[in-house]
Amino acid sequence: AQESEEEEEEEEDYNSADDYDEEGYKGAQDRAELMAKSQLEREMILAERLEKRDQRKEQLEVRAKIRAQRNQNAATKRSSARGKATAGKDRASQMRELGAKRREAEARRDRDREQRQGGSDDDDDEG
C-alpha cells in the first residue's frame, strides 16, 4: 500500500510540474503563500519546483525523440521492403498480382463462411 502511495505521489509530482509558470509559481495565491515564508524556504521550494519542471521537459523531449526515431525506422523498413518486393516488376504485373491476391482472399473468406454455416446446420440436425 505504501509503494502505491509513493507511486501516486511521484505521478502527481510529475504531472504537477506542468502547473508552474517560468518563475515556479502556480498562481497569485501560491505566490502570496510562498512570499509569507522565509527567503531560504521559498528559494528551496522554487528550486525544487523548477528542477521538477526541467526534468519533466527533458523526459518529454527524450520521449519525442524516441517516438520520431521509431517512426523513421518503421518508415524506412516499409519503404525498403516495398522496394525489394516491387523491384523489376512493371505496373501491370503488380496490378495482376494484387488482383490475384484479392481473389484468393475472397475465396478463403467464402470457404470459411460456408464452413461456419455448414457447421451450424449440422448442429441443428443433431439436436
Foldseek 3Di string as FASTA:
>chain_A
DVVVVVVVVVVCLLVCLVQADPQQANDDVRVVVLVPDDPVVSVVNSVVSVVSNVVSVVVVVVVVVVVVVVVVVVVVVVVVVVCVVCPPPDPVVVVVVVVVVVVVVVVVVVVVVVVVVVVVVVVVVVD
